[in-house]
Amino acid sequence: MATRNAKAAVGSRDEQPNGVDFDRSGWFAYWLPLHVVDGLLLLLLVVVVSASIARHRGAVARSVLLGSALVISAALFLPSSLLVAVVGADALAALESVAGTYAWTLAAAAHFIAFVWLALVLWTLRPDLCGPKAIAVMVILAVAAELMQGLSTDRSTRRDDIGVNLVGVWVGLVLAVVIAALRGWRCGCRHCGEGCRSARPEPKTLPSRVRRRGIVE
């Protein structure tokens, strides 16, 4: 009887691979820990945002936008230990010393440069987002990127970094507007960065009767 009760007690629980018993109610937390769920959610968000930024563009523009979004996401969200392994401790130390000469930390400099570049390429390569749309999208990305760092394993959300992101957005948009203005001044037109539309020859329109008959002189 005692043996049967012991077997029943053991049968109500499962064994971990190392032989330690655990309650069935915690099987989800064991096989899919919280940091794994957070990592998968973060990866999904990065892929969706990167694809949204790069959609409806040509091959070159799509590659630049998608590559920029993925590289910036890797710098912001990957664990610090993995970044050290990929970049190298010596390279990071050199970058830290360069940032220190301007009274910046390496993390703050990375945030600033990332959003300067992202705002610049987004304004230049996504003319459909020029003006208030681009500003709204970049402000949302600057705030959301910092909030999403709370899903990373060894990162945390900081209000100071949100401010650095927003300053980088402002500088990047100013640079993009200046570059677009210079290009427009050279070709005598106003545009948001996708080439000079007024400089392109207008297509010749044929009368409706000629178009219907398929006659082209």
N, C-alpha and C. Protein backbone atom coordinates (compact mmCIF):
# COMPACT_ATOMS: atom_id res chain seq x y z
N MET A 1 0.83 -1.21 0.00
CA MET A 1 0.00 0.00 0.00
C MET A 1 0.86 1.25 0.00
N ALA A 2 1.88 1.23 0.84
CA ALA A 2 2.79 2.37 0.89
C ALA A 2 3.51 2.56 -0.43
N THR A 3 3.87 1.40 -1.05
CA THR A 3 4.55 1.49 -2.35
C THR A 3 3.65 2.09 -3.41
N ARG A 4 2.35 1.69 -3.39
CA ARG A 4 1.41 2.22 -4.35
C ARG A 4 1.22 3.73 -4.17
N ASN A 5 1.13 4.17 -2.91
CA ASN A 5 0.99 5.60 -2.65
C ASN A 5 2.23 6.37 -3.11
N ALA A 6 3.39 5.76 -2.92
CA ALA A 6 4.63 6.42 -3.35
C ALA A 6 4.66 6.56 -4.86
N LYS A 7 4.21 5.49 -5.58
CA LYS A 7 4.19 5.57 -7.04
C LYS A 7 3.19 6.62 -7.51
N ALA A 8 2.04 6.71 -6.80
CA ALA A 8 1.06 7.72 -7.18
C ALA A 8 1.61 9.11 -6.98
N ALA A 9 2.36 9.30 -5.89
CA ALA A 9 2.94 10.61 -5.63
C ALA A 9 3.98 10.96 -6.68
N VAL A 10 4.78 9.98 -7.07
CA VAL A 10 5.78 10.22 -8.10
C VAL A 10 5.12 10.47 -9.44
N GLY A 11 4.02 9.75 -9.73
CA GLY A 11 3.34 9.90 -11.00
C GLY A 11 2.69 11.25 -11.18
N SER A 12 2.43 11.97 -10.09
CA SER A 12 1.81 13.29 -10.20
C SER A 12 2.82 14.36 -10.55
N ARG A 13 4.10 14.00 -10.62
CA ARG A 13 5.14 14.96 -10.95
C ARG A 13 6.02 14.41 -12.06
N ASP A 14 6.69 15.31 -12.77
CA ASP A 14 7.63 14.91 -13.83
C ASP A 14 9.03 15.15 -13.34
N GLU A 15 9.98 14.54 -14.06
CA GLU A 15 11.38 14.72 -13.72
C GLU A 15 12.06 15.59 -14.75
N GLN A 16 12.88 16.51 -14.28
CA GLN A 16 13.74 17.27 -15.16
C GLN A 16 14.86 16.36 -15.65
N PRO A 17 15.54 16.76 -16.71
CA PRO A 17 16.65 15.93 -17.20
C PRO A 17 17.73 15.68 -16.16
N ASN A 18 17.91 16.57 -15.20
CA ASN A 18 18.95 16.35 -14.20
C ASN A 18 18.45 15.54 -13.00
N GLY A 19 17.22 15.04 -13.09
CA GLY A 19 16.71 14.17 -12.05
C GLY A 19 15.95 14.87 -10.95
N VAL A 20 15.80 16.20 -10.99
CA VAL A 20 15.09 16.93 -9.96
C VAL A 20 13.62 16.99 -10.33
N ASP A 21 12.75 16.66 -9.36
CA ASP A 21 11.32 16.67 -9.61
C ASP A 21 10.80 18.10 -9.65
N PHE A 22 9.74 18.32 -10.45
CA PHE A 22 9.11 19.62 -10.47
C PHE A 22 7.62 19.45 -10.74
N ASP A 23 6.86 20.44 -10.36
CA ASP A 23 5.41 20.40 -10.48
C ASP A 23 5.00 20.53 -11.94
N ARG A 24 3.92 19.82 -12.34
CA ARG A 24 3.44 19.90 -13.72
C ARG A 24 3.01 21.31 -14.09
N SER A 25 2.50 22.06 -13.12
CA SER A 25 2.00 23.40 -13.41
C SER A 25 3.10 24.33 -13.90
N GLY A 26 4.36 24.00 -13.64
CA GLY A 26 5.46 24.86 -14.07
C GLY A 26 6.16 24.36 -15.31
N TRP A 27 5.53 23.45 -16.06
CA TRP A 27 6.22 22.89 -17.24
C TRP A 27 6.47 23.95 -18.30
N PHE A 28 5.54 24.91 -18.46
CA PHE A 28 5.72 25.94 -19.48
C PHE A 28 6.91 26.84 -19.15
N ALA A 29 7.01 27.22 -17.87
CA ALA A 29 8.12 28.08 -17.46
C ALA A 29 9.45 27.35 -17.57
N TYR A 30 9.42 26.00 -17.43
CA TYR A 30 10.67 25.24 -17.53
C TYR A 30 11.12 25.11 -18.98
N TRP A 31 10.21 24.71 -19.85
CA TRP A 31 10.59 24.47 -21.23
C TRP A 31 10.69 25.75 -22.05
N LEU A 32 9.98 26.79 -21.66
CA LEU A 32 10.04 28.06 -22.37
C LEU A 32 10.14 29.18 -21.35
N PRO A 33 11.34 29.43 -20.82
CA PRO A 33 11.52 30.45 -19.78
C PRO A 33 11.09 31.83 -20.26
N LEU A 34 10.92 32.73 -19.29
CA LEU A 34 10.43 34.06 -19.60
C LEU A 34 11.39 34.82 -20.51
N HIS A 35 12.70 34.66 -20.30
CA HIS A 35 13.63 35.41 -21.14
C HIS A 35 13.60 34.93 -22.58
N VAL A 36 13.24 33.64 -22.79
CA VAL A 36 13.10 33.14 -24.16
C VAL A 36 11.87 33.73 -24.82
N VAL A 37 10.77 33.81 -24.08
CA VAL A 37 9.55 34.42 -24.60
C VAL A 37 9.80 35.88 -24.95
N ASP A 38 10.47 36.59 -24.05
CA ASP A 38 10.79 38.00 -24.32
C ASP A 38 11.68 38.14 -25.56
N GLY A 39 12.65 37.23 -25.69
CA GLY A 39 13.53 37.28 -26.85
C GLY A 39 12.79 37.03 -28.16
N LEU A 40 11.88 36.05 -28.16
CA LEU A 40 11.09 35.77 -29.36
C LEU A 40 10.17 36.94 -29.70
N LEU A 41 9.56 37.53 -28.68
CA LEU A 41 8.70 38.69 -28.92
C LEU A 41 9.51 39.86 -29.46
N LEU A 42 10.70 40.07 -28.91
CA LEU A 42 11.56 41.14 -29.38
C LEU A 42 11.99 40.91 -30.83
N LEU A 43 12.34 39.66 -31.16
CA LEU A 43 12.72 39.33 -32.53
C LEU A 43 11.57 39.57 -33.49
N LEU A 44 10.36 39.19 -33.09
CA LEU A 44 9.19 39.41 -33.94
C LEU A 44 8.96 40.90 -34.18
N LEU A 45 9.08 41.69 -33.13
CA LEU A 45 8.89 43.14 -33.28
C LEU A 45 9.94 43.74 -34.20
N VAL A 46 11.19 43.29 -34.06
CA VAL A 46 12.27 43.82 -34.91
C VAL A 46 12.02 43.49 -36.37
N VAL A 47 11.62 42.24 -36.65
CA VAL A 47 11.37 41.83 -38.03
C VAL A 47 10.21 42.61 -38.63
N VAL A 48 9.13 42.77 -37.87
CA VAL A 48 7.96 43.49 -38.38
C VAL A 48 8.30 44.95 -38.66
N VAL A 49 8.98 45.60 -37.72
CA VAL A 49 9.32 47.01 -37.91
C VAL A 49 10.30 47.18 -39.07
N SER A 50 11.30 46.31 -39.17
CA SER A 50 12.28 46.41 -40.25
C SER A 50 11.62 46.22 -41.61
N ALA A 51 10.73 45.22 -41.71
CA ALA A 51 10.04 44.99 -42.97
C ALA A 51 9.12 46.15 -43.33
N SER A 52 8.48 46.75 -42.33
CA SER A 52 7.60 47.89 -42.59
C SER A 52 8.38 49.09 -43.08
N ILE A 53 9.56 49.31 -42.52
CA ILE A 53 10.38 50.44 -42.95
C ILE A 53 10.84 50.28 -44.40
N ALA A 54 11.15 49.04 -44.80
CA ALA A 54 11.75 48.81 -46.12
C ALA A 54 10.75 48.50 -47.21
N ARG A 55 9.46 48.47 -46.92
CA ARG A 55 8.49 48.05 -47.94
C ARG A 55 8.30 49.14 -48.99
N HIS A 56 7.81 48.69 -50.17
CA HIS A 56 7.48 49.58 -51.28
C HIS A 56 8.68 50.36 -51.80
N ARG A 57 9.88 49.81 -51.70
CA ARG A 57 11.06 50.50 -52.22
C ARG A 57 11.74 49.62 -53.25
N GLY A 58 12.69 50.23 -53.97
CA GLY A 58 13.49 49.47 -54.91
C GLY A 58 14.47 48.56 -54.20
N ALA A 59 15.19 47.76 -54.98
CA ALA A 59 16.08 46.76 -54.38
C ALA A 59 17.18 47.42 -53.54
N VAL A 60 17.81 48.46 -54.08
CA VAL A 60 18.90 49.11 -53.35
C VAL A 60 18.37 49.81 -52.10
N ALA A 61 17.31 50.59 -52.25
CA ALA A 61 16.74 51.30 -51.10
C ALA A 61 16.24 50.32 -50.05
N ARG A 62 15.61 49.23 -50.49
CA ARG A 62 15.13 48.23 -49.54
C ARG A 62 16.28 47.59 -48.78
N SER A 63 17.37 47.31 -49.48
CA SER A 63 18.53 46.71 -48.81
C SER A 63 19.13 47.65 -47.78
N VAL A 64 19.25 48.94 -48.14
CA VAL A 64 19.82 49.92 -47.20
C VAL A 64 18.92 50.08 -45.98
N LEU A 65 17.61 50.22 -46.20
CA LEU A 65 16.68 50.41 -45.09
C LEU A 65 16.63 49.18 -44.19
N LEU A 66 16.50 48.00 -44.81
CA LEU A 66 16.41 46.78 -44.02
C LEU A 66 17.71 46.51 -43.28
N GLY A 67 18.85 46.67 -43.97
CA GLY A 67 20.13 46.46 -43.31
C GLY A 67 20.36 47.43 -42.17
N SER A 68 19.99 48.70 -42.37
CA SER A 68 20.16 49.69 -41.30
C SER A 68 19.31 49.33 -40.09
N ALA A 69 18.06 48.95 -40.33
CA ALA A 69 17.17 48.60 -39.22
C ALA A 69 17.68 47.39 -38.45
N LEU A 70 18.18 46.38 -39.17
CA LEU A 70 18.66 45.17 -38.49
C LEU A 70 19.95 45.42 -37.72
N VAL A 71 20.88 46.19 -38.31
CA VAL A 71 22.13 46.48 -37.61
C VAL A 71 21.87 47.31 -36.35
N ILE A 72 21.01 48.31 -36.47
CA ILE A 72 20.68 49.13 -35.30
C ILE A 72 19.99 48.29 -34.24
N SER A 73 19.09 47.41 -34.65
CA SER A 73 18.41 46.54 -33.69
C SER A 73 19.40 45.62 -32.98
N ALA A 74 20.37 45.09 -33.73
CA ALA A 74 21.38 44.24 -33.11
C ALA A 74 22.19 45.01 -32.08
N ALA A 75 22.56 46.24 -32.41
CA ALA A 75 23.36 47.04 -31.46
C ALA A 75 22.57 47.41 -30.22
N LEU A 76 21.27 47.60 -30.36
CA LEU A 76 20.46 48.04 -29.23
C LEU A 76 19.95 46.90 -28.36
N PHE A 77 19.71 45.72 -28.97
CA PHE A 77 18.97 44.69 -28.25
C PHE A 77 19.77 43.43 -27.94
N LEU A 78 20.86 43.17 -28.66
CA LEU A 78 21.62 41.95 -28.37
C LEU A 78 22.31 42.06 -27.02
N PRO A 79 22.51 40.94 -26.33
CA PRO A 79 23.23 40.98 -25.04
C PRO A 79 24.63 41.56 -25.20
N SER A 80 25.07 42.25 -24.18
CA SER A 80 26.38 42.90 -24.24
C SER A 80 27.51 41.89 -24.42
N SER A 81 27.37 40.72 -23.79
CA SER A 81 28.41 39.69 -23.93
C SER A 81 28.55 39.23 -25.37
N LEU A 82 27.41 39.13 -26.09
CA LEU A 82 27.47 38.72 -27.49
C LEU A 82 28.10 39.81 -28.35
N LEU A 83 27.79 41.06 -28.06
CA LEU A 83 28.40 42.16 -28.82
C LEU A 83 29.91 42.21 -28.60
N VAL A 84 30.34 41.95 -27.36
CA VAL A 84 31.78 41.92 -27.08
C VAL A 84 32.44 40.79 -27.87
N ALA A 85 31.77 39.63 -27.94
CA ALA A 85 32.34 38.50 -28.68
C ALA A 85 32.41 38.78 -30.18
N VAL A 86 31.42 39.49 -30.71
CA VAL A 86 31.38 39.76 -32.15
C VAL A 86 32.34 40.88 -32.53
N VAL A 87 32.27 42.00 -31.81
CA VAL A 87 33.08 43.17 -32.16
C VAL A 87 34.50 43.04 -31.64
N GLY A 88 34.65 42.49 -30.44
CA GLY A 88 35.96 42.38 -29.82
C GLY A 88 36.14 43.38 -28.70
N ALA A 89 36.75 42.92 -27.61
CA ALA A 89 36.93 43.79 -26.45
C ALA A 89 37.85 44.96 -26.76
N ASP A 90 38.89 44.73 -27.55
CA ASP A 90 39.82 45.82 -27.88
C ASP A 90 39.14 46.90 -28.72
N ALA A 91 38.33 46.47 -29.69
CA ALA A 91 37.63 47.45 -30.52
C ALA A 91 36.64 48.26 -29.70
N LEU A 92 35.93 47.60 -28.79
CA LEU A 92 34.98 48.33 -27.94
C LEU A 92 35.70 49.29 -27.01
N ALA A 93 36.87 48.88 -26.50
CA ALA A 93 37.64 49.79 -25.64
C ALA A 93 38.11 51.01 -26.42
N ALA A 94 38.53 50.81 -27.67
CA ALA A 94 38.94 51.94 -28.50
C ALA A 94 37.78 52.88 -28.78
N LEU A 95 36.61 52.31 -29.08
CA LEU A 95 35.43 53.14 -29.32
C LEU A 95 35.02 53.88 -28.05
N GLU A 96 35.16 53.22 -26.91
CA GLU A 96 34.83 53.87 -25.64
C GLU A 96 35.74 55.07 -25.39
N SER A 97 37.02 54.92 -25.71
CA SER A 97 37.95 56.04 -25.52
C SER A 97 37.65 57.19 -26.46
N VAL A 98 37.25 56.88 -27.70
CA VAL A 98 36.89 57.93 -28.65
C VAL A 98 35.65 58.68 -28.16
N ALA A 99 34.64 57.93 -27.70
CA ALA A 99 33.43 58.58 -27.18
C ALA A 99 33.74 59.40 -25.94
N GLY A 100 34.70 58.92 -25.12
CA GLY A 100 35.05 59.65 -23.91
C GLY A 100 35.69 60.99 -24.18
N THR A 101 36.36 61.13 -25.32
CA THR A 101 36.95 62.43 -25.65
C THR A 101 35.90 63.51 -25.87
N TYR A 102 34.68 63.10 -26.19
CA TYR A 102 33.57 64.05 -26.36
C TYR A 102 32.62 64.03 -25.17
N ALA A 103 33.08 63.49 -24.05
CA ALA A 103 32.29 63.42 -22.81
C ALA A 103 31.01 62.61 -23.00
N TRP A 104 31.09 61.58 -23.85
CA TRP A 104 29.97 60.68 -24.07
C TRP A 104 30.35 59.28 -23.62
N THR A 105 29.37 58.52 -23.23
CA THR A 105 29.59 57.09 -23.04
C THR A 105 29.40 56.40 -24.38
N LEU A 106 29.93 55.20 -24.50
CA LEU A 106 29.80 54.47 -25.76
C LEU A 106 28.34 54.16 -26.05
N ALA A 107 27.57 53.82 -25.02
CA ALA A 107 26.15 53.50 -25.22
C ALA A 107 25.39 54.72 -25.74
N ALA A 108 25.63 55.89 -25.13
CA ALA A 108 24.93 57.10 -25.57
C ALA A 108 25.33 57.47 -27.00
N ALA A 109 26.62 57.34 -27.32
CA ALA A 109 27.07 57.65 -28.68
C ALA A 109 26.44 56.69 -29.69
N ALA A 110 26.31 55.42 -29.32
CA ALA A 110 25.70 54.44 -30.22
C ALA A 110 24.24 54.78 -30.47
N HIS A 111 23.52 55.15 -29.41
CA HIS A 111 22.12 55.55 -29.57
C HIS A 111 22.01 56.77 -30.49
N PHE A 112 22.85 57.76 -30.27
CA PHE A 112 22.79 59.00 -31.05
C PHE A 112 23.07 58.73 -32.52
N ILE A 113 24.17 58.04 -32.82
CA ILE A 113 24.55 57.78 -34.21
C ILE A 113 23.51 56.91 -34.90
N ALA A 114 22.96 55.94 -34.18
CA ALA A 114 21.97 55.04 -34.77
C ALA A 114 20.75 55.81 -35.25
N PHE A 115 20.25 56.73 -34.44
CA PHE A 115 19.03 57.43 -34.82
C PHE A 115 19.30 58.59 -35.77
N VAL A 116 20.50 59.15 -35.76
CA VAL A 116 20.86 60.10 -36.81
C VAL A 116 20.81 59.41 -38.17
N TRP A 117 21.43 58.25 -38.26
CA TRP A 117 21.47 57.51 -39.52
C TRP A 117 20.09 57.04 -39.93
N LEU A 118 19.31 56.51 -38.98
CA LEU A 118 17.98 55.99 -39.32
C LEU A 118 17.07 57.11 -39.80
N ALA A 119 17.10 58.26 -39.15
CA ALA A 119 16.28 59.39 -39.60
C ALA A 119 16.72 59.87 -40.98
N LEU A 120 18.02 59.88 -41.22
CA LEU A 120 18.55 60.34 -42.51
C LEU A 120 18.10 59.43 -43.65
N VAL A 121 18.28 58.12 -43.49
CA VAL A 121 17.93 57.21 -44.58
C VAL A 121 16.41 57.08 -44.72
N LEU A 122 15.67 57.18 -43.63
CA LEU A 122 14.22 57.07 -43.73
C LEU A 122 13.64 58.26 -44.49
N TRP A 123 14.12 59.47 -44.20
CA TRP A 123 13.65 60.66 -44.91
C TRP A 123 14.07 60.63 -46.38
N THR A 124 15.30 60.17 -46.63
CA THR A 124 15.83 60.21 -47.99
C THR A 124 15.25 59.11 -48.87
N LEU A 125 15.10 57.90 -48.33
CA LEU A 125 14.69 56.75 -49.14
C LEU A 125 13.22 56.41 -49.03
N ARG A 126 12.50 57.10 -48.16
CA ARG A 126 11.05 56.91 -48.08
C ARG A 126 10.36 58.25 -48.28
N PRO A 127 10.33 58.78 -49.51
CA PRO A 127 9.70 60.09 -49.75
C PRO A 127 8.22 60.11 -49.43
N ASP A 128 7.58 58.94 -49.38
CA ASP A 128 6.18 58.91 -48.99
C ASP A 128 5.99 59.24 -47.51
N LEU A 129 7.09 59.23 -46.74
CA LEU A 129 7.02 59.56 -45.32
C LEU A 129 7.61 60.93 -45.01
N CYS A 130 7.78 61.76 -46.03
CA CYS A 130 8.35 63.08 -45.79
C CYS A 130 7.40 63.94 -44.95
N GLY A 131 7.99 64.93 -44.29
CA GLY A 131 7.18 65.87 -43.53
C GLY A 131 6.74 65.33 -42.18
N PRO A 132 5.52 65.67 -41.75
CA PRO A 132 5.04 65.25 -40.42
C PRO A 132 5.02 63.74 -40.23
N LYS A 133 4.76 62.99 -41.32
CA LYS A 133 4.74 61.53 -41.19
C LYS A 133 6.10 61.00 -40.74
N ALA A 134 7.16 61.48 -41.38
CA ALA A 134 8.50 61.01 -41.01
C ALA A 134 8.84 61.39 -39.58
N ILE A 135 8.47 62.60 -39.18
CA ILE A 135 8.75 63.03 -37.80
C ILE A 135 8.01 62.15 -36.81
N ALA A 136 6.73 61.87 -37.09
CA ALA A 136 5.94 61.03 -36.18
C ALA A 136 6.51 59.62 -36.11
N VAL A 137 6.87 59.04 -37.27
CA VAL A 137 7.41 57.68 -37.28
C VAL A 137 8.72 57.61 -36.51
N MET A 138 9.60 58.59 -36.70
CA MET A 138 10.89 58.56 -36.03
C MET A 138 10.75 58.77 -34.52
N VAL A 139 9.83 59.64 -34.09
CA VAL A 139 9.62 59.83 -32.65
C VAL A 139 9.09 58.54 -32.03
N ILE A 140 8.15 57.88 -32.72
CA ILE A 140 7.63 56.60 -32.21
C ILE A 140 8.74 55.56 -32.12
N LEU A 141 9.58 55.48 -33.16
CA LEU A 141 10.68 54.51 -33.14
C LEU A 141 11.68 54.82 -32.03
N ALA A 142 11.96 56.10 -31.81
CA ALA A 142 12.93 56.48 -30.77
C ALA A 142 12.45 56.08 -29.39
N VAL A 143 11.16 56.27 -29.12
CA VAL A 143 10.62 55.90 -27.81
C VAL A 143 10.43 54.40 -27.70
N ALA A 144 9.88 53.78 -28.76
CA ALA A 144 9.61 52.34 -28.71
C ALA A 144 10.89 51.53 -28.62
N ALA A 145 11.96 51.97 -29.28
CA ALA A 145 13.22 51.22 -29.23
C ALA A 145 13.74 51.13 -27.80
N GLU A 146 13.62 52.22 -27.06
CA GLU A 146 14.10 52.18 -25.67
C GLU A 146 13.19 51.34 -24.79
N LEU A 147 11.88 51.42 -25.02
CA LEU A 147 10.96 50.60 -24.23
C LEU A 147 11.18 49.11 -24.53
N MET A 148 11.49 48.79 -25.78
CA MET A 148 11.71 47.40 -26.16
C MET A 148 12.99 46.84 -25.54
N GLN A 149 13.91 47.70 -25.13
CA GLN A 149 15.12 47.20 -24.48
C GLN A 149 14.80 46.50 -23.17
N GLY A 150 13.65 46.80 -22.58
CA GLY A 150 13.26 46.09 -21.37
C GLY A 150 12.99 44.62 -21.60
N LEU A 151 12.79 44.21 -22.87
CA LEU A 151 12.58 42.80 -23.19
C LEU A 151 13.90 42.06 -23.37
N SER A 152 15.01 42.77 -23.51
CA SER A 152 16.31 42.13 -23.66
C SER A 152 16.80 41.60 -22.32
N THR A 153 17.71 40.63 -22.38
CA THR A 153 18.12 39.92 -21.17
C THR A 153 18.92 40.80 -20.22
N ASP A 154 19.87 41.57 -20.73
CA ASP A 154 20.71 42.37 -19.83
C ASP A 154 20.63 43.86 -20.14
N ARG A 155 19.51 44.30 -20.72
CA ARG A 155 19.31 45.71 -21.00
C ARG A 155 18.17 46.24 -20.11
N SER A 156 18.10 47.54 -19.97
CA SER A 156 17.03 48.16 -19.19
C SER A 156 16.62 49.46 -19.85
N THR A 157 15.39 49.87 -19.61
CA THR A 157 14.87 51.10 -20.18
C THR A 157 15.33 52.30 -19.36
N ARG A 158 15.86 53.31 -20.05
CA ARG A 158 16.34 54.53 -19.38
C ARG A 158 15.76 55.75 -20.09
N ARG A 159 15.26 56.69 -19.28
CA ARG A 159 14.70 57.91 -19.86
C ARG A 159 15.78 58.76 -20.52
N ASP A 160 17.00 58.71 -20.01
CA ASP A 160 18.09 59.47 -20.62
C ASP A 160 18.33 59.01 -22.06
N ASP A 161 18.26 57.70 -22.29
CA ASP A 161 18.48 57.18 -23.63
C ASP A 161 17.36 57.60 -24.58
N ILE A 162 16.13 57.72 -24.06
CA ILE A 162 15.04 58.22 -24.91
C ILE A 162 15.36 59.63 -25.39
N GLY A 163 15.87 60.46 -24.48
CA GLY A 163 16.27 61.81 -24.87
C GLY A 163 17.37 61.82 -25.91
N VAL A 164 18.37 60.93 -25.74
CA VAL A 164 19.45 60.84 -26.72
C VAL A 164 18.90 60.39 -28.08
N ASN A 165 17.99 59.42 -28.07
CA ASN A 165 17.37 58.97 -29.33
C ASN A 165 16.65 60.11 -30.04
N LEU A 166 15.90 60.91 -29.28
CA LEU A 166 15.15 62.02 -29.88
C LEU A 166 16.08 63.09 -30.42
N VAL A 167 17.18 63.36 -29.73
CA VAL A 167 18.16 64.32 -30.25
C VAL A 167 18.77 63.79 -31.55
N GLY A 168 19.09 62.49 -31.59
CA GLY A 168 19.60 61.91 -32.82
C GLY A 168 18.60 62.00 -33.96
N VAL A 169 17.32 61.79 -33.68
CA VAL A 169 16.27 61.93 -34.70
C VAL A 169 16.25 63.36 -35.24
N TRP A 170 16.31 64.34 -34.34
CA TRP A 170 16.27 65.74 -34.75
C TRP A 170 17.46 66.08 -35.64
N VAL A 171 18.66 65.67 -35.25
CA VAL A 171 19.86 65.95 -36.05
C VAL A 171 19.78 65.25 -37.40
N GLY A 172 19.33 63.99 -37.42
CA GLY A 172 19.22 63.27 -38.68
C GLY A 172 18.21 63.89 -39.62
N LEU A 173 17.07 64.35 -39.11
CA LEU A 173 16.08 64.99 -39.96
C LEU A 173 16.58 66.32 -40.50
N VAL A 174 17.30 67.08 -39.68
CA VAL A 174 17.87 68.35 -40.15
C VAL A 174 18.87 68.09 -41.28
N LEU A 175 19.74 67.09 -41.10
CA LEU A 175 20.70 66.75 -42.16
C LEU A 175 19.98 66.33 -43.43
N ALA A 176 18.92 65.52 -43.29
CA ALA A 176 18.18 65.05 -44.46
C ALA A 176 17.53 66.21 -45.20
N VAL A 177 16.95 67.15 -44.46
CA VAL A 177 16.30 68.31 -45.10
C VAL A 177 17.34 69.18 -45.80
N VAL A 178 18.50 69.38 -45.18
CA VAL A 178 19.55 70.18 -45.80
C VAL A 178 20.04 69.51 -47.09
N ILE A 179 20.26 68.20 -47.04
CA ILE A 179 20.71 67.48 -48.24
C ILE A 179 19.67 67.56 -49.34
N ALA A 180 18.39 67.37 -48.98
CA ALA A 180 17.32 67.46 -49.98
C ALA A 180 17.23 68.86 -50.57
N ALA A 181 17.41 69.89 -49.72
CA ALA A 181 17.36 71.26 -50.22
C ALA A 181 18.51 71.55 -51.18
N LEU A 182 19.70 71.04 -50.87
CA LEU A 182 20.85 71.23 -51.76
C LEU A 182 20.63 70.53 -53.10
N ARG A 183 20.08 69.32 -53.04
CA ARG A 183 19.80 68.61 -54.29
C ARG A 183 18.73 69.32 -55.09
N GLY A 184 17.70 69.84 -54.39
CA GLY A 184 16.66 70.58 -55.09
C GLY A 184 17.17 71.88 -55.68
N TRP A 185 18.10 72.53 -54.99
CA TRP A 185 18.68 73.77 -55.51
C TRP A 185 19.50 73.50 -56.77
N ARG A 186 20.18 72.37 -56.81
CA ARG A 186 21.01 72.04 -57.98
C ARG A 186 20.16 71.79 -59.21
N CYS A 187 19.02 71.12 -59.04
CA CYS A 187 18.20 70.79 -60.21
C CYS A 187 16.99 71.71 -60.35
N GLY A 188 16.85 72.67 -59.43
CA GLY A 188 15.78 73.65 -59.56
C GLY A 188 14.41 73.15 -59.23
N CYS A 189 14.30 72.20 -58.32
CA CYS A 189 12.99 71.68 -57.94
C CYS A 189 12.99 71.38 -56.45
N ARG A 190 11.81 71.13 -55.93
CA ARG A 190 11.66 70.74 -54.53
C ARG A 190 11.28 69.27 -54.50
N HIS A 191 11.95 68.52 -53.67
CA HIS A 191 11.64 67.10 -53.57
C HIS A 191 12.10 66.62 -52.21
N CYS A 192 11.71 65.40 -51.88
CA CYS A 192 12.03 64.83 -50.57
C CYS A 192 13.19 63.87 -50.63
N GLY A 193 13.79 63.68 -51.79
CA GLY A 193 14.98 62.83 -51.81
C GLY A 193 14.96 61.72 -52.82
N GLU A 194 13.82 61.44 -53.48
CA GLU A 194 13.79 60.34 -54.43
C GLU A 194 13.97 60.88 -55.85
N GLY A 195 15.10 61.51 -56.08
CA GLY A 195 15.37 62.02 -57.40
C GLY A 195 14.57 63.28 -57.71
N CYS A 196 14.88 63.90 -58.80
CA CYS A 196 14.23 65.15 -59.19
C CYS A 196 13.09 64.84 -60.14
N ARG A 197 11.88 64.96 -59.68
CA ARG A 197 10.73 64.60 -60.51
C ARG A 197 10.53 65.60 -61.65
N SER A 198 10.77 66.89 -61.35
CA SER A 198 10.52 67.89 -62.38
C SER A 198 11.55 67.81 -63.50
N ALA A 199 12.73 67.22 -63.21
CA ALA A 199 13.76 67.11 -64.23
C ALA A 199 13.52 65.94 -65.17
N ARG A 200 12.60 65.05 -64.81
CA ARG A 200 12.32 63.91 -65.66
C ARG A 200 11.39 64.33 -66.79
N PRO A 201 11.61 63.83 -68.00
CA PRO A 201 10.72 64.21 -69.11
C PRO A 201 9.32 63.68 -68.89
N GLU A 202 8.34 64.53 -69.17
CA GLU A 202 6.96 64.12 -69.03
C GLU A 202 6.60 63.15 -70.15
N PRO A 203 5.88 62.08 -69.86
CA PRO A 203 5.48 61.15 -70.91
C PRO A 203 4.49 61.80 -71.86
N LYS A 204 4.65 61.52 -73.15
CA LYS A 204 3.76 62.08 -74.15
C LYS A 204 2.42 61.37 -74.09
N THR A 205 1.36 62.16 -74.01
CA THR A 205 0.01 61.59 -73.98
C THR A 205 -0.58 61.68 -75.37
N LEU A 206 -1.20 60.63 -75.80
CA LEU A 206 -1.81 60.58 -77.12
C LEU A 206 -3.31 60.80 -77.01
N PRO A 207 -3.92 61.29 -78.04
CA PRO A 207 -5.38 61.44 -78.02
C PRO A 207 -6.06 60.10 -77.77
N SER A 208 -7.24 60.16 -77.24
CA SER A 208 -7.95 58.93 -76.88
C SER A 208 -8.23 58.07 -78.10
N ARG A 209 -8.56 58.70 -79.28
CA ARG A 209 -8.84 57.90 -80.47
C ARG A 209 -7.61 57.14 -80.92
N VAL A 210 -6.43 57.80 -80.84
CA VAL A 210 -5.20 57.13 -81.26
C VAL A 210 -4.87 56.00 -80.32
N ARG A 211 -5.07 56.21 -78.99
CA ARG A 211 -4.77 55.16 -78.03
C ARG A 211 -5.66 53.95 -78.25
N ARG A 212 -6.95 54.20 -78.57
CA ARG A 212 -7.85 53.07 -78.77
C ARG A 212 -7.48 52.27 -80.01
N ARG A 213 -7.06 52.95 -81.06
CA ARG A 213 -6.73 52.24 -82.30
C ARG A 213 -5.32 51.65 -82.27
N GLY A 214 -4.51 52.06 -81.30
CA GLY A 214 -3.15 51.55 -81.23
C GLY A 214 -2.24 52.14 -82.28
N ILE A 215 -2.55 53.36 -82.74
CA ILE A 215 -1.77 54.02 -83.78
C ILE A 215 -0.83 55.01 -83.12
N VAL A 216 0.44 54.90 -83.37
CA VAL A 216 1.44 55.82 -82.84
C VAL A 216 2.23 56.38 -83.99
N GLU A 217 2.22 57.69 -84.17
CA GLU A 217 2.96 58.29 -85.27
C GLU A 217 4.44 58.41 -84.93
